[in-house]
């Protein structure tokens, strides 16, 4: 999966005038290693067996670091940087862990990637959370000597700690020189010190061009996964008179910037599912009935008047984001009740319900209540247009699920997240899931049949 993601990373461009290779962006993979429990962000202790380490936790990083001196065919698997995590790996904080950063990354992977810390706290936590060193001075020295090159977002306190470490001899200038060399090499490859390079004169209007708008729409549609489609509920009919009304219901049908989620830029516009469906409905002469679902009985009554209901549910920043671990695989209770009530009210008319899930992580829902289901992710600025392209059959859904969607009781059958074993209990990921203990809701790699 890691290599697949890297296929879309821009490759270096050689300047025809100078013969130099330039990067458009510097990609960094994170968090190295095994960091997946946000509620213990600064103190997490990872105890990973050698089998799980090399069989499950390292391969994604290895795929993006091995043979970094040349592009690996069409896969293009190369990352310019790698970020060490807050957590401690087998007793040693990751950013001060010479086994991770020297023996494995530099030695076994042969990587020359720039290693940066996760914000400033993954350096400070070496001292004040993990208590691996007795001072911040010791923490910056341990991290640099282990192979961390860049103290990301560090401030005056860290600068003083570096100065003190050099003065006392805790840190050698040769260690700092090595780190600085990697930092400046990346900056040079980005062209930061050149007056002219292939990306020095990119017109800002190009970034908001119609070509890029079309690419955003294509990306939104291409990321949608069709996981259920009974009785040919999709694509929706476009013939004249096929529908009188389409109901668009749910808290994620028209919710502003919720389709961006987090770590995002600010696009010039955002098209919601409601707005996009209204555009198509006008051209077809079909009415659109809308409710955000906050009044469940009223929303269900609207669905009962429609020939088909597009129910847009989701998670959003309220339920999934950095530093927040989900404790349930379900939609919120109010959204689940909304789904049940709409199904109940539409039973007499037998009108179809198409569920659209706006979420990144897996979600369990009662699939018997819907005729079709789409996993839409966070589609970005063109989320709505991408969705209608799939709903009305202008684009055939072809994406596959990048993760396993577990059953509702799965979390009760695996050990706590602090336990990194892949095989205990019901097992983790599609490779080790014990289906006799917890049958998957939707399998990893699921696609339209």
Foldseek 3Di string as FASTA:
>chain_A
DLLQVQLPADDWDQFPVPRATAHQDAFEADDPWDDDDLLCQQAFEAEDDPCCVVPPTCPSVLQQFAPQVDQDPSSRRHGQAYEYGNYHYPLAQRLLALCRQPVPRCNVRVGPHAYEYDAQSSQVSNCPPSVVDPDSLLSVQSNLVSHHQYRHNDDPVNVVSVVVCPVVVSHDVVSNVSSVVSVVVNCVSNVVPPCDDPPNDDDPVVCVDPVVVVVLLVQLLQAKFWQFAAPCQPQDDLDAPPWAEEEEEAQQQDPAFQLQFDPDDDHPAAAGQVNLVVVSCVVRVHHYHYDHCPPLLVSLVSLLPTLEYEYEFEAGPVADDRSHDHPFQAGPPSSLVSLVSNLVSNVVVPHFYEYEYAYDDAHDHDCVSHNIYMDRYRSPRNNNSSVNCPNNVVDPHWHFAQWFRWHRCVVVFADDSSHPDQAHGQGDTPVRGNCVRTNTPAHGRDHDD
